[in-house]
Amino acid sequence: MFSIRQMKREDIPEMALIFVAEFSRQPYGEVWDADDALDRLEDLFMDSDHSLVISEGERLIGFCLAHRYTWHEGYSLQIDELVISEEYRGQGMGTMLIQRIEGLCAKSGIKLLSVTCMEGSNAYEFYQDRQFHMTPYRVLTKRIEPIQ
């Protein structure tokens, strides 16, 4: 039996294991060590009202971290991370999390749900299949060299 509940700070170490395993795979191929993953998830924990975990029994199998922000049309919610353990993908776990997040948004007056993901990735297709669409906005980045 699968269950979804609000994330707790105590979930972060188990979430970090899933995070490191999943983002080391292609197409991401990112190199995360456990401490950096813990720091990232701690940073994102700031809006735990909109952060959920999904479990099978006592085993955490995925999570969604999101934060609310003010936009000109009212409140919006940005999905920062939605990660499902590989062995549970394709079984509706991510969809269950998205549906629960959408319900939280509807109940709390949030009008827009957004996510940033890599074009062409499985995540990109996942979100498009759930009626997310491209906007004219793009994420721009710039590397900053540290000062010695």
Foldseek 3Di string as FASTA:
>chain_A
DKDKDQDDLVCLQLQLVQVQVVCCDPPRVDHDDSVNSSVVVVVLCPASVLKMFMADVPHTFWIWGWDWDADPVGIEIETEDTTGRPVCPPVCPSVVSVVVSVVVCVVVVHDYYYYDDDPPDPVNVVVVVVVDDDDPDDDDDDDDDDDD
